[in-house]
């Protein structure tokens, strides 16, 4: 469920930011709902037609990631950039 932080600066890390759910017997019928993480307050909200409800922070992943999850949407985090410079004489920082 939750990955451990990596010390490899070249490894991509992704954040889950939305989930689409399908409720029904097959993909041609049924009902679709969604859950999205608000980038401004970092809280999750469930969307069901015209109803929007906040998700309890303590149960976010157990409440959201379940068998009715149809599609998961991930966003790549910005990579950790390691800046280096030369301090040797004759380097471009002379």
PDB file of N, CA and C in Angstrom:
ATOM      1  N   UNK A   1       0.813  -1.192   0.000  1.00  0.00           N
ATOM      2  CA  UNK A   1       0.000   0.000   0.000  1.00  0.00           C
ATOM      3  C   UNK A   1       0.855   1.253   0.000  1.00  0.00           C
ATOM      4  N   UNK A   2       1.729   1.376   0.961  1.00  0.00           N
ATOM      5  CA  UNK A   2       2.566   2.563   1.049  1.00  0.00           C
ATOM      6  C   UNK A   2       3.996   2.132   0.763  1.00  0.00           C
ATOM      7  N   UNK A   3       4.647   2.851  -0.121  1.00  0.00           N
ATOM      8  CA  UNK A   3       6.022   2.496  -0.429  1.00  0.00           C
ATOM      9  C   UNK A   3       6.966   3.206   0.529  1.00  0.00           C
ATOM     10  N   UNK A   4       8.117   2.602   0.718  1.00  0.00           N
ATOM     11  CA  UNK A   4       9.141   3.202   1.560  1.00  0.00           C
ATOM     12  C   UNK A   4       9.939   4.189   0.719  1.00  0.00           C
ATOM     13  N   UNK A   5      10.382   5.288   1.316  1.00  0.00           N
ATOM     14  CA  UNK A   5      11.186   6.250   0.568  1.00  0.00           C
ATOM     15  C   UNK A   5      12.471   5.605   0.067  1.00  0.00           C
ATOM     16  N   UNK A   6      12.872   5.987  -1.122  1.00  0.00           N
ATOM     17  CA  UNK A   6      14.077   5.440  -1.726  1.00  0.00           C
ATOM     18  C   UNK A   6      15.210   6.448  -1.613  1.00  0.00           C
ATOM     19  N   UNK A   7      16.412   5.953  -1.480  1.00  0.00           N
ATOM     20  CA  UNK A   7      17.587   6.814  -1.465  1.00  0.00           C
ATOM     21  C   UNK A   7      18.151   7.011  -2.864  1.00  0.00           C
ATOM     22  N   UNK A   8      17.574   6.329  -3.866  1.00  0.00           N
ATOM     23  CA  UNK A   8      18.031   6.441  -5.240  1.00  0.00           C
ATOM     24  C   UNK A   8      17.440   7.709  -5.859  1.00  0.00           C
ATOM     25  N   UNK A   9      18.269   8.723  -6.184  1.00  0.00           N
ATOM     26  CA  UNK A   9      17.738   9.980  -6.721  1.00  0.00           C
ATOM     27  C   UNK A   9      17.155   9.837  -8.123  1.00  0.00           C
ATOM     28  N   UNK A  10      17.432   8.727  -8.822  1.00  0.00           N
ATOM     29  CA  UNK A  10      16.942   8.536 -10.183  1.00  0.00           C
ATOM     30  C   UNK A  10      15.656   7.721 -10.232  1.00  0.00           C
ATOM     31  N   UNK A  11      15.172   7.264  -9.090  1.00  0.00           N
ATOM     32  CA  UNK A  11      13.953   6.465  -9.046  1.00  0.00           C
ATOM     33  C   UNK A  11      12.735   7.380  -9.020  1.00  0.00           C
ATOM     34  N   UNK A  12      11.740   7.058  -9.837  1.00  0.00           N
ATOM     35  CA  UNK A  12      10.514   7.856  -9.868  1.00  0.00           C
ATOM     36  C   UNK A  12       9.590   7.442  -8.733  1.00  0.00           C
ATOM     37  N   UNK A  13       8.984   8.427  -8.089  1.00  0.00           N
ATOM     38  CA  UNK A  13       8.024   8.214  -7.014  1.00  0.00           C
ATOM     39  C   UNK A  13       6.700   8.826  -7.466  1.00  0.00           C
ATOM     40  N   UNK A  14       5.596   8.121  -7.200  1.00  0.00           N
ATOM     41  CA  UNK A  14       4.282   8.574  -7.645  1.00  0.00           C
ATOM     42  C   UNK A  14       3.338   8.737  -6.464  1.00  0.00           C
ATOM     43  N   UNK A  15       2.445   9.721  -6.569  1.00  0.00           N
ATOM     44  CA  UNK A  15       1.398   9.951  -5.574  1.00  0.00           C
ATOM     45  C   UNK A  15       0.051   9.627  -6.203  1.00  0.00           C
ATOM     46  N   UNK A  16      -0.766   8.904  -5.468  1.00  0.00           N
ATOM     47  CA  UNK A  16      -2.134   8.648  -5.892  1.00  0.00           C
ATOM     48  C   UNK A  16      -2.932   9.934  -5.697  1.00  0.00           C
ATOM     49  N   UNK A  17      -3.649  10.384  -6.747  1.00  0.00           N
ATOM     50  CA  UNK A  17      -4.421  11.620  -6.602  1.00  0.00           C
ATOM     51  C   UNK A  17      -5.882  11.484  -7.006  1.00  0.00           C
ATOM     52  N   UNK A  18      -6.270  10.365  -7.637  1.00  0.00           N
ATOM     53  CA  UNK A  18      -7.680  10.188  -7.994  1.00  0.00           C
ATOM     54  C   UNK A  18      -7.977   8.709  -8.219  1.00  0.00           C
ATOM     55  N   UNK A  19      -9.230   8.349  -7.987  1.00  0.00           N
ATOM     56  CA  UNK A  19      -9.690   6.974  -8.178  1.00  0.00           C
ATOM     57  C   UNK A  19     -11.071   7.031  -8.821  1.00  0.00           C
ATOM     58  N   UNK A  20     -11.265   6.216  -9.843  1.00  0.00           N
ATOM     59  CA  UNK A  20     -12.571   6.081 -10.478  1.00  0.00           C
ATOM     60  C   UNK A  20     -13.134   4.724 -10.068  1.00  0.00           C
ATOM     61  N   UNK A  21     -14.404   4.699  -9.678  1.00  0.00           N
ATOM     62  CA  UNK A  21     -15.053   3.469  -9.217  1.00  0.00           C
ATOM     63  C   UNK A  21     -16.177   3.083 -10.164  1.00  0.00           C
ATOM     64  N   UNK A  22     -16.380   1.780 -10.308  1.00  0.00           N
ATOM     65  CA  UNK A  22     -17.540   1.280 -11.044  1.00  0.00           C
ATOM     66  C   UNK A  22     -18.358   0.420 -10.099  1.00  0.00           C
ATOM     67  N   UNK A  23     -19.647   0.705 -10.024  1.00  0.00           N
ATOM     68  CA  UNK A  23     -20.563  -0.060  -9.187  1.00  0.00           C
ATOM     69  C   UNK A  23     -21.589  -0.700 -10.116  1.00  0.00           C
ATOM     70  N   UNK A  24     -21.569  -2.005 -10.219  1.00  0.00           N
ATOM     71  CA  UNK A  24     -22.519  -2.694 -11.090  1.00  0.00           C
ATOM     72  C   UNK A  24     -21.984  -4.037 -11.521  1.00  0.00           C
ATOM     73  N   UNK A  25     -22.796  -4.769 -12.289  1.00  0.00           N
ATOM     74  CA  UNK A  25     -22.434  -6.127 -12.693  1.00  0.00           C
ATOM     75  C   UNK A  25     -21.471  -6.172 -13.870  1.00  0.00           C
ATOM     76  N   UNK A  26     -21.592  -5.245 -14.824  1.00  0.00           N
ATOM     77  CA  UNK A  26     -20.686  -5.232 -15.970  1.00  0.00           C
ATOM     78  C   UNK A  26     -20.384  -3.784 -16.349  1.00  0.00           C
ATOM     79  N   UNK A  27     -19.448  -3.606 -17.287  1.00  0.00           N
ATOM     80  CA  UNK A  27     -18.998  -2.256 -17.621  1.00  0.00           C
ATOM     81  C   UNK A  27     -19.983  -1.487 -18.490  1.00  0.00           C
ATOM     82  N   UNK A  28     -20.974  -2.178 -19.065  1.00  0.00           N
ATOM     83  CA  UNK A  28     -21.965  -1.491 -19.890  1.00  0.00           C
ATOM     84  C   UNK A  28     -23.105  -0.912 -19.056  1.00  0.00           C
ATOM     85  N   UNK A  29     -23.257  -1.399 -17.853  1.00  0.00           N
ATOM     86  CA  UNK A  29     -24.294  -0.880 -16.967  1.00  0.00           C
ATOM     87  C   UNK A  29     -23.659  -0.546 -15.629  1.00  0.00           C
ATOM     88  N   UNK A  30     -24.393   0.090 -14.796  1.00  0.00           N
ATOM     89  CA  UNK A  30     -23.880   0.411 -13.469  1.00  0.00           C
ATOM     90  C   UNK A  30     -23.731   1.901 -13.271  1.00  0.00           C
ATOM     91  N   UNK A  31     -22.928   2.237 -12.303  1.00  0.00           N
ATOM     92  CA  UNK A  31     -22.792   3.629 -11.876  1.00  0.00           C
ATOM     93  C   UNK A  31     -21.318   3.913 -11.601  1.00  0.00           C
ATOM     94  N   UNK A  32     -20.855   5.072 -12.019  1.00  0.00           N
ATOM     95  CA  UNK A  32     -19.475   5.479 -11.788  1.00  0.00           C
ATOM     96  C   UNK A  32     -19.427   6.588 -10.743  1.00  0.00           C
ATOM     97  N   UNK A  33     -18.460   6.481  -9.842  1.00  0.00           N
ATOM     98  CA  UNK A  33     -18.183   7.522  -8.863  1.00  0.00           C
ATOM     99  C   UNK A  33     -16.679   7.777  -8.868  1.00  0.00           C
ATOM    100  N   UNK A  34     -16.243   8.765  -8.127  1.00  0.00           N
ATOM    101  CA  UNK A  34     -14.818   9.086  -8.097  1.00  0.00           C
ATOM    102  C   UNK A  34     -14.422   9.618  -6.729  1.00  0.00           C
ATOM    103  N   UNK A  35     -13.138   9.555  -6.466  1.00  0.00           N
ATOM    104  CA  UNK A  35     -12.540  10.183  -5.289  1.00  0.00           C
ATOM    105  C   UNK A  35     -11.292  10.912  -5.774  1.00  0.00           C
ATOM    106  N   UNK A  36     -11.106  12.128  -5.309  1.00  0.00           N
ATOM    107  CA  UNK A  36      -9.964  12.936  -5.730  1.00  0.00           C
ATOM    108  C   UNK A  36      -9.357  13.642  -4.529  1.00  0.00           C
ATOM    109  N   UNK A  37      -8.051  13.825  -4.613  1.00  0.00           N
ATOM    110  CA  UNK A  37      -7.341  14.555  -3.564  1.00  0.00           C
ATOM    111  C   UNK A  37      -7.239  16.019  -3.980  1.00  0.00           C
ATOM    112  N   UNK A  38      -7.734  16.901  -3.140  1.00  0.00           N
ATOM    113  CA  UNK A  38      -7.695  18.328  -3.405  1.00  0.00           C
ATOM    114  C   UNK A  38      -6.257  18.823  -3.218  1.00  0.00           C
ATOM    115  N   UNK A  39      -5.652  19.434  -4.238  1.00  0.00           N
ATOM    116  CA  UNK A  39      -4.259  19.875  -4.100  1.00  0.00           C
ATOM    117  C   UNK A  39      -4.081  21.066  -3.163  1.00  0.00           C
ATOM    118  N   UNK A  40      -5.168  21.762  -2.829  1.00  0.00           N
ATOM    119  CA  UNK A  40      -5.053  22.948  -1.976  1.00  0.00           C
ATOM    120  C   UNK A  40      -5.130  22.626  -0.489  1.00  0.00           C
ATOM    121  N   UNK A  41      -5.992  21.684  -0.122  1.00  0.00           N
ATOM    122  CA  UNK A  41      -6.084  21.338   1.302  1.00  0.00           C
ATOM    123  C   UNK A  41      -5.581  19.926   1.602  1.00  0.00           C
ATOM    124  N   UNK A  42      -5.131  19.194   0.563  1.00  0.00           N
ATOM    125  CA  UNK A  42      -4.561  17.841   0.688  1.00  0.00           C
ATOM    126  C   UNK A  42      -5.541  16.836   1.289  1.00  0.00           C
ATOM    127  N   UNK A  43      -6.840  17.107   1.173  1.00  0.00           N
ATOM    128  CA  UNK A  43      -7.859  16.180   1.674  1.00  0.00           C
ATOM    129  C   UNK A  43      -8.498  15.451   0.506  1.00  0.00           C
ATOM    130  N   UNK A  44      -9.008  14.257   0.797  1.00  0.00           N
ATOM    131  CA  UNK A  44      -9.714  13.459  -0.200  1.00  0.00           C
ATOM    132  C   UNK A  44     -11.210  13.732  -0.126  1.00  0.00           C
ATOM    133  N   UNK A  45     -11.855  13.714  -1.314  1.00  0.00           N
ATOM    134  CA  UNK A  45     -13.297  13.915  -1.417  1.00  0.00           C
ATOM    135  C   UNK A  45     -13.882  12.866  -2.351  1.00  0.00           C
ATOM    136  N   UNK A  46     -15.079  12.380  -2.008  1.00  0.00           N
ATOM    137  CA  UNK A  46     -15.804  11.441  -2.864  1.00  0.00           C
ATOM    138  C   UNK A  46     -16.836  12.217  -3.676  1.00  0.00           C
ATOM    139  N   UNK A  47     -16.945  11.866  -4.956  1.00  0.00           N
ATOM    140  CA  UNK A  47     -17.885  12.511  -5.869  1.00  0.00           C
ATOM    141  C   UNK A  47     -18.879  11.470  -6.369  1.00  0.00           C
ATOM    142  N   UNK A  48     -20.158  11.734  -6.171  1.00  0.00           N
ATOM    143  CA  UNK A  48     -21.224  10.833  -6.611  1.00  0.00           C
ATOM    144  C   UNK A  48     -22.355  11.700  -7.160  1.00  0.00           C
ATOM    145  N   UNK A  49     -22.378  11.842  -8.477  1.00  0.00           N
ATOM    146  CA  UNK A  49     -23.330  12.732  -9.152  1.00  0.00           C
ATOM    147  C   UNK A  49     -23.205  14.141  -8.580  1.00  0.00           C
ATOM    148  N   UNK A  50     -24.226  14.648  -7.937  1.00  0.00           N
ATOM    149  CA  UNK A  50     -24.170  16.028  -7.437  1.00  0.00           C
ATOM    150  C   UNK A  50     -23.741  16.109  -5.977  1.00  0.00           C
ATOM    151  N   UNK A  51     -23.370  14.983  -5.394  1.00  0.00           N
ATOM    152  CA  UNK A  51     -22.990  14.961  -3.978  1.00  0.00           C
ATOM    153  C   UNK A  51     -21.474  14.837  -3.823  1.00  0.00           C
ATOM    154  N   UNK A  52     -20.893  15.701  -3.007  1.00  0.00           N
ATOM    155  CA  UNK A  52     -19.461  15.659  -2.693  1.00  0.00           C
ATOM    156  C   UNK A  52     -19.330  15.532  -1.188  1.00  0.00           C
ATOM    157  N   UNK A  53     -18.565  14.510  -0.747  1.00  0.00           N
ATOM    158  CA  UNK A  53     -18.385  14.302   0.689  1.00  0.00           C
ATOM    159  C   UNK A  53     -16.904  14.143   1.010  1.00  0.00           C
ATOM    160  N   UNK A  54     -16.440  14.748   2.101  1.00  0.00           N
ATOM    161  CA  UNK A  54     -15.038  14.570   2.503  1.00  0.00           C
ATOM    162  C   UNK A  54     -14.819  13.169   3.061  1.00  0.00           C
ATOM    163  N   UNK A  55     -13.595  12.679   2.912  1.00  0.00           N
ATOM    164  CA  UNK A  55     -13.208  11.365   3.429  1.00  0.00           C
ATOM    165  C   UNK A  55     -12.474  11.565   4.742  1.00  0.00           C
ATOM    166  N   UNK A  56     -12.784  10.744   5.724  1.00  0.00           N
ATOM    167  CA  UNK A  56     -12.122  10.801   7.026  1.00  0.00           C
ATOM    168  C   UNK A  56     -10.625  10.563   6.845  1.00  0.00           C
ATOM    169  N   UNK A  57      -9.800  11.483   7.329  1.00  0.00           N
ATOM    170  CA  UNK A  57      -8.348  11.402   7.144  1.00  0.00           C
ATOM    171  C   UNK A  57      -7.728  10.128   7.699  1.00  0.00           C
ATOM    172  N   UNK A  58      -8.268   9.588   8.769  1.00  0.00           N
ATOM    173  CA  UNK A  58      -7.675   8.409   9.404  1.00  0.00           C
ATOM    174  C   UNK A  58      -7.875   7.139   8.586  1.00  0.00           C
ATOM    175  N   UNK A  59      -8.898   7.100   7.745  1.00  0.00           N
ATOM    176  CA  UNK A  59      -9.214   5.887   6.991  1.00  0.00           C
ATOM    177  C   UNK A  59      -9.114   6.086   5.486  1.00  0.00           C
ATOM    178  N   UNK A  60      -8.290   6.999   5.045  1.00  0.00           N
ATOM    179  CA  UNK A  60      -8.259   7.347   3.629  1.00  0.00           C
ATOM    180  C   UNK A  60      -8.015   6.130   2.748  1.00  0.00           C
ATOM    181  N   UNK A  61      -6.923   5.426   2.939  1.00  0.00           N
ATOM    182  CA  UNK A  61      -6.581   4.350   2.007  1.00  0.00           C
ATOM    183  C   UNK A  61      -7.456   3.117   2.188  1.00  0.00           C
ATOM    184  N   UNK A  62      -7.855   2.812   3.410  1.00  0.00           N
ATOM    185  CA  UNK A  62      -8.746   1.661   3.589  1.00  0.00           C
ATOM    186  C   UNK A  62     -10.136   1.971   3.054  1.00  0.00           C
ATOM    187  N   UNK A  63     -10.530   3.216   3.094  1.00  0.00           N
ATOM    188  CA  UNK A  63     -11.843   3.616   2.592  1.00  0.00           C
ATOM    189  C   UNK A  63     -11.850   3.764   1.073  1.00  0.00           C
ATOM    190  N   UNK A  64     -10.752   4.191   0.481  1.00  0.00           N
ATOM    191  CA  UNK A  64     -10.732   4.515  -0.941  1.00  0.00           C
ATOM    192  C   UNK A  64     -10.262   3.393  -1.853  1.00  0.00           C
ATOM    193  N   UNK A  65      -9.231   2.669  -1.456  1.00  0.00           N
ATOM    194  CA  UNK A  65      -8.694   1.622  -2.325  1.00  0.00           C
ATOM    195  C   UNK A  65      -9.372   0.310  -1.957  1.00  0.00           C
ATOM    196  N   UNK A  66     -10.292  -0.116  -2.828  1.00  0.00           N
ATOM    197  CA  UNK A  66     -11.073  -1.325  -2.556  1.00  0.00           C
ATOM    198  C   UNK A  66     -11.404  -2.035  -3.863  1.00  0.00           C
ATOM    199  N   UNK A  67     -12.226  -3.068  -3.796  1.00  0.00           N
ATOM    200  CA  UNK A  67     -12.524  -3.887  -4.973  1.00  0.00           C
ATOM    201  C   UNK A  67     -13.334  -3.170  -6.041  1.00  0.00           C
ATOM    202  N   UNK A  68     -13.986  -2.075  -5.710  1.00  0.00           N
ATOM    203  CA  UNK A  68     -14.750  -1.357  -6.730  1.00  0.00           C
ATOM    204  C   UNK A  68     -13.904  -0.295  -7.443  1.00  0.00           C
ATOM    205  N   UNK A  69     -12.638  -0.141  -7.053  1.00  0.00           N
ATOM    206  CA  UNK A  69     -11.750   0.805  -7.736  1.00  0.00           C
ATOM    207  C   UNK A  69     -11.497   0.296  -9.153  1.00  0.00           C
ATOM    208  N   UNK A  70     -11.849   1.114 -10.131  1.00  0.00           N
ATOM    209  CA  UNK A  70     -11.764   0.735 -11.541  1.00  0.00           C
ATOM    210  C   UNK A  70     -10.485   1.271 -12.182  1.00  0.00           C
ATOM    211  N   UNK A  71     -10.150   2.521 -11.892  1.00  0.00           N
ATOM    212  CA  UNK A  71      -8.921   3.123 -12.403  1.00  0.00           C
ATOM    213  C   UNK A  71      -8.277   3.961 -11.304  1.00  0.00           C
ATOM    214  N   UNK A  72      -6.959   3.867 -11.210  1.00  0.00           N
ATOM    215  CA  UNK A  72      -6.189   4.661 -10.252  1.00  0.00           C
ATOM    216  C   UNK A  72      -5.361   5.672 -11.042  1.00  0.00           C
ATOM    217  N   UNK A  73      -5.321   6.900 -10.573  1.00  0.00           N
ATOM    218  CA  UNK A  73      -4.575   7.961 -11.249  1.00  0.00           C
ATOM    219  C   UNK A  73      -3.411   8.386 -10.360  1.00  0.00           C
ATOM    220  N   UNK A  74      -2.216   8.367 -10.953  1.00  0.00           N
ATOM    221  CA  UNK A  74      -1.002   8.720 -10.221  1.00  0.00           C
ATOM    222  C   UNK A  74      -0.328   9.914 -10.872  1.00  0.00           C
ATOM    223  N   UNK A  75       0.342  10.706 -10.065  1.00  0.00           N
ATOM    224  CA  UNK A  75       1.131  11.835 -10.533  1.00  0.00           C
ATOM    225  C   UNK A  75       2.560  11.613 -10.066  1.00  0.00           C
ATOM    226  N   UNK A  76       3.502  11.762 -10.994  1.00  0.00           N
ATOM    227  CA  UNK A  76       4.908  11.605 -10.626  1.00  0.00           C
ATOM    228  C   UNK A  76       5.356  12.802  -9.807  1.00  0.00           C
ATOM    229  N   UNK A  77       6.027  12.509  -8.695  1.00  0.00           N
ATOM    230  CA  UNK A  77       6.601  13.585  -7.885  1.00  0.00           C
ATOM    231  C   UNK A  77       7.792  14.159  -8.628  1.00  0.00           C
ATOM    232  N   UNK A  78       8.091  15.399  -8.322  1.00  0.00           N
ATOM    233  CA  UNK A  78       9.264  16.006  -8.933  1.00  0.00           C
ATOM    234  C   UNK A  78      10.503  15.268  -8.448  1.00  0.00           C
ATOM    235  N   UNK A  79      11.435  14.993  -9.353  1.00  0.00           N
ATOM    236  CA  UNK A  79      12.639  14.263  -8.923  1.00  0.00           C
ATOM    237  C   UNK A  79      13.499  15.110  -8.005  1.00  0.00           C
ATOM    238  N   UNK A  80      14.210  14.414  -7.135  1.00  0.00           N
ATOM    239  CA  UNK A  80      15.184  15.100  -6.285  1.00  0.00           C
ATOM    240  C   UNK A  80      16.387  15.447  -7.148  1.00  0.00           C
ATOM    241  N   UNK A  81      16.695  16.717  -7.245  1.00  0.00           N
ATOM    242  CA  UNK A  81      17.803  17.158  -8.075  1.00  0.00           C
ATOM    243  C   UNK A  81      19.016  17.370  -7.179  1.00  0.00           C
ATOM    244  N   UNK A  82      20.104  16.734  -7.554  1.00  0.00           N
ATOM    245  CA  UNK A  82      21.342  16.876  -6.806  1.00  0.00           C
ATOM    246  C   UNK A  82      22.244  17.812  -7.592  1.00  0.00           C
ATOM    247  N   UNK A  83      22.582  18.943  -7.001  1.00  0.00           N
ATOM    248  CA  UNK A  83      23.447  19.917  -7.660  1.00  0.00           C
ATOM    249  C   UNK A  83      24.875  19.723  -7.162  1.00  0.00           C
ATOM    250  N   UNK A  84      25.803  19.716  -8.086  1.00  0.00           N
ATOM    251  CA  UNK A  84      27.211  19.625  -7.718  1.00  0.00           C
ATOM    252  C   UNK A  84      27.974  20.702  -8.482  1.00  0.00           C
ATOM    253  N   UNK A  85      29.095  21.076  -7.950  1.00  0.00           N
ATOM    254  CA  UNK A  85      29.949  22.024  -8.659  1.00  0.00           C
ATOM    255  C   UNK A  85      31.401  21.648  -8.401  1.00  0.00           C
ATOM    256  N   UNK A  86      32.235  22.085  -9.295  1.00  0.00           N
ATOM    257  CA  UNK A  86      33.656  21.795  -9.191  1.00  0.00           C
ATOM    258  C   UNK A  86      34.327  22.858  -8.333  1.00  0.00           C
ATOM    259  N   UNK A  87      35.145  22.422  -7.384  1.00  0.00           N
ATOM    260  CA  UNK A  87      35.908  23.372  -6.570  1.00  0.00           C
ATOM    261  C   UNK A  87      37.388  23.305  -6.904  1.00  0.00           C
ATOM    262  N   UNK A  88      37.721  22.452  -7.879  1.00  0.00           N
ATOM    263  CA  UNK A  88      39.123  22.329  -8.267  1.00  0.00           C
ATOM    264  C   UNK A  88      39.534  23.532  -9.108  1.00  0.00           C
ATOM    265  N   UNK A  89      40.817  23.912  -8.978  1.00  0.00           N
ATOM    266  CA  UNK A  89      41.335  25.012  -9.776  1.00  0.00           C
ATOM    267  C   UNK A  89      41.285  24.610 -11.244  1.00  0.00           C
ATOM    268  N   UNK A  90      40.896  25.527 -12.088  1.00  0.00           N
ATOM    269  CA  UNK A  90      40.777  25.217 -13.509  1.00  0.00           C
ATOM    270  C   UNK A  90      39.375  24.772 -13.881  1.00  0.00           C
ATOM    271  N   UNK A  91      38.531  24.622 -12.879  1.00  0.00           N
ATOM    272  CA  UNK A  91      37.149  24.261 -13.162  1.00  0.00           C
ATOM    273  C   UNK A  91      36.394  25.468 -13.694  1.00  0.00           C
ATOM    274  N   UNK A  92      35.189  25.274 -14.106  1.00  0.00           N
ATOM    275  CA  UNK A  92      34.426  26.369 -14.695  1.00  0.00           C
ATOM    276  C   UNK A  92      33.939  27.386 -13.661  1.00  0.00           C
ATOM    277  N   UNK A  93      34.196  27.156 -12.389  1.00  0.00           N
ATOM    278  CA  UNK A  93      33.797  28.099 -11.345  1.00  0.00           C
ATOM    279  C   UNK A  93      34.968  28.975 -10.887  1.00  0.00           C
ATOM    280  N   UNK A  94      35.974  29.110 -11.707  1.00  0.00           N
ATOM    281  CA  UNK A  94      37.183  29.846 -11.325  1.00  0.00           C
ATOM    282  C   UNK A  94      36.922  31.288 -10.992  1.00  0.00           C
TER     283      UNK A  94
END
